[in-house]
Amino acid sequence: MITAENKAKAFSLTQTHKTDVGSPQAQASVLTVRIKEVTEHLKSNKHDHMGRRGLIQMVARRKKLLKYLEANDFDAYKATVAALGLRK
């Protein structure tokens, strides 16, 4: 589970304004933190297939958000990928 502090830190990485929690950048940022947590969980719990399924869904959702951002605001996309440390 993502804590409130971790969520606030994730939002602060890519927010466009102080109360921004719904932009694609902010959502992708929170998903990235959650993906990292679930990945660590799955390293020690190899047979947690429902956790693995949830991880795949989160990765797909983040991919869709970044694809939307790339198509509509390429500069914000580049900044988001750099801030989150993703490989694209």
C-alpha atoms as a PDB file:
ATOM      1  CA  MET A   1       0.000   0.000   0.000  1.00  0.00           C
ATOM      2  CA  ILE A   2       1.206   3.446  -0.844  1.00  0.00           C
ATOM      3  CA  THR A   3       1.309   5.763   2.151  1.00  0.00           C
ATOM      4  CA  ALA A   4       0.011   9.328   2.114  1.00  0.00           C
ATOM      5  CA  GLU A   5       3.567  10.700   2.373  1.00  0.00           C
ATOM      6  CA  ASN A   6       4.784   8.611  -0.575  1.00  0.00           C
ATOM      7  CA  LYS A   7       1.768   9.663  -2.609  1.00  0.00           C
ATOM      8  CA  ALA A   8       2.399  13.341  -1.832  1.00  0.00           C
ATOM      9  CA  LYS A   9       6.060  12.969  -2.846  1.00  0.00           C
ATOM     10  CA  ALA A  10       5.022  11.290  -6.088  1.00  0.00           C
ATOM     11  CA  PHE A  11       2.573  14.064  -6.877  1.00  0.00           C
ATOM     12  CA  SER A  12       5.170  16.733  -6.135  1.00  0.00           C
ATOM     13  CA  LEU A  13       7.519  15.290  -8.787  1.00  0.00           C
ATOM     14  CA  THR A  14       5.243  16.103 -11.712  1.00  0.00           C
ATOM     15  CA  GLN A  15       2.449  18.444 -10.558  1.00  0.00           C
ATOM     16  CA  THR A  16       1.548  21.299 -12.877  1.00  0.00           C
ATOM     17  CA  HIS A  17       0.122  23.328  -9.960  1.00  0.00           C
ATOM     18  CA  LYS A  18      -0.191  22.913  -6.205  1.00  0.00           C
ATOM     19  CA  THR A  19      -3.474  20.975  -6.141  1.00  0.00           C
ATOM     20  CA  ASP A  20      -2.885  18.918  -9.292  1.00  0.00           C
ATOM     21  CA  VAL A  21      -3.726  15.269  -8.673  1.00  0.00           C
ATOM     22  CA  GLY A  22      -5.597  14.375 -11.869  1.00  0.00           C
ATOM     23  CA  SER A  23      -3.274  15.272 -14.712  1.00  0.00           C
ATOM     24  CA  PRO A  24      -1.702  12.403 -16.656  1.00  0.00           C
ATOM     25  CA  GLN A  25       1.713  13.382 -15.278  1.00  0.00           C
ATOM     26  CA  ALA A  26       0.542  13.131 -11.664  1.00  0.00           C
ATOM     27  CA  GLN A  27      -1.324   9.869 -12.232  1.00  0.00           C
ATOM     28  CA  ALA A  28       1.676   8.292 -13.955  1.00  0.00           C
ATOM     29  CA  SER A  29       3.867   9.408 -11.075  1.00  0.00           C
ATOM     30  CA  VAL A  30       1.686   7.705  -8.457  1.00  0.00           C
ATOM     31  CA  LEU A  31       1.410   4.586 -10.602  1.00  0.00           C
ATOM     32  CA  THR A  32       5.201   4.449 -10.844  1.00  0.00           C
ATOM     33  CA  VAL A  33       5.520   4.448  -7.046  1.00  0.00           C
ATOM     34  CA  ARG A  34       2.876   1.736  -6.735  1.00  0.00           C
ATOM     35  CA  ILE A  35       4.563  -0.348  -9.458  1.00  0.00           C
ATOM     36  CA  LYS A  36       7.864  -0.196  -7.579  1.00  0.00           C
ATOM     37  CA  GLU A  37       6.190  -1.329  -4.347  1.00  0.00           C
ATOM     38  CA  VAL A  38       4.393  -4.259  -5.980  1.00  0.00           C
ATOM     39  CA  THR A  39       7.576  -5.276  -7.803  1.00  0.00           C
ATOM     40  CA  GLU A  40       9.426  -5.483  -4.486  1.00  0.00           C
ATOM     41  CA  HIS A  41       6.552  -7.529  -3.021  1.00  0.00           C
ATOM     42  CA  LEU A  42       6.634  -9.972  -5.939  1.00  0.00           C
ATOM     43  CA  LYS A  43      10.369 -10.545  -5.555  1.00  0.00           C
ATOM     44  CA  SER A  44       9.744 -12.262  -2.235  1.00  0.00           C
ATOM     45  CA  ASN A  45       6.274 -13.687  -3.060  1.00  0.00           C
ATOM     46  CA  LYS A  46       6.777 -15.418  -6.387  1.00  0.00           C
ATOM     47  CA  HIS A  47       3.445 -17.271  -6.331  1.00  0.00           C
ATOM     48  CA  ASP A  48       1.253 -14.207  -5.806  1.00  0.00           C
ATOM     49  CA  HIS A  49      -0.465 -14.383  -9.172  1.00  0.00           C
ATOM     50  CA  MET A  50      -3.169 -11.845  -8.351  1.00  0.00           C
ATOM     51  CA  GLY A  51      -0.484  -9.361  -7.341  1.00  0.00           C
ATOM     52  CA  ARG A  52       1.279 -10.021 -10.629  1.00  0.00           C
ATOM     53  CA  ARG A  53      -1.976  -9.434 -12.510  1.00  0.00           C
ATOM     54  CA  GLY A  54      -2.479  -6.129 -10.702  1.00  0.00           C
ATOM     55  CA  LEU A  55       1.085  -5.134 -11.570  1.00  0.00           C
ATOM     56  CA  ILE A  56       0.484  -5.822 -15.251  1.00  0.00           C
ATOM     57  CA  GLN A  57      -2.702  -3.730 -15.124  1.00  0.00           C
ATOM     58  CA  MET A  58      -0.877  -0.813 -13.482  1.00  0.00           C
ATOM     59  CA  VAL A  59       1.907  -0.948 -16.066  1.00  0.00           C
ATOM     60  CA  ALA A  60      -0.666  -0.940 -18.873  1.00  0.00           C
ATOM     61  CA  ARG A  61      -2.526   2.016 -17.326  1.00  0.00           C
ATOM     62  CA  ARG A  62       0.718   3.993 -16.975  1.00  0.00           C
ATOM     63  CA  LYS A  63       1.606   3.150 -20.570  1.00  0.00           C
ATOM     64  CA  LYS A  64      -1.747   4.499 -21.782  1.00  0.00           C
ATOM     65  CA  LEU A  65      -1.343   7.700 -19.767  1.00  0.00           C
ATOM     66  CA  LEU A  66       2.150   8.283 -21.155  1.00  0.00           C
ATOM     67  CA  LYS A  67       0.985   7.534 -24.699  1.00  0.00           C
ATOM     68  CA  TYR A  68      -1.791  10.122 -24.311  1.00  0.00           C
ATOM     69  CA  LEU A  69       0.672  12.639 -22.902  1.00  0.00           C
ATOM     70  CA  GLU A  70       3.147  12.001 -25.720  1.00  0.00           C
ATOM     71  CA  ALA A  71       0.479  12.619 -28.347  1.00  0.00           C
ATOM     72  CA  ASN A  72      -0.938  15.791 -26.772  1.00  0.00           C
ATOM     73  CA  ASP A  73       1.939  17.524 -24.966  1.00  0.00           C
ATOM     74  CA  PHE A  74       5.342  16.189 -25.959  1.00  0.00           C
ATOM     75  CA  ASP A  75       7.328  18.583 -23.769  1.00  0.00           C
ATOM     76  CA  ALA A  76       5.392  17.507 -20.672  1.00  0.00           C
ATOM     77  CA  TYR A  77       5.887  13.889 -21.730  1.00  0.00           C
ATOM     78  CA  LYS A  78       9.657  14.293 -21.927  1.00  0.00           C
ATOM     79  CA  ALA A  79       9.751  16.061 -18.562  1.00  0.00           C
ATOM     80  CA  THR A  80       7.621  13.361 -16.938  1.00  0.00           C
ATOM     81  CA  VAL A  81       9.715  10.495 -18.281  1.00  0.00           C
ATOM     82  CA  ALA A  82      12.879  12.225 -17.088  1.00  0.00           C
ATOM     83  CA  ALA A  83      11.439  12.975 -13.628  1.00  0.00           C
ATOM     84  CA  LEU A  84      10.239   9.409 -13.145  1.00  0.00           C
ATOM     85  CA  GLY A  85      13.396   7.806 -14.523  1.00  0.00           C
ATOM     86  CA  LEU A  86      11.628   5.714 -17.142  1.00  0.00           C
ATOM     87  CA  ARG A  87      13.399   4.263 -20.155  1.00  0.00           C
ATOM     88  CA  LYS A  88      11.355   5.779 -22.979  1.00  0.00           C
END
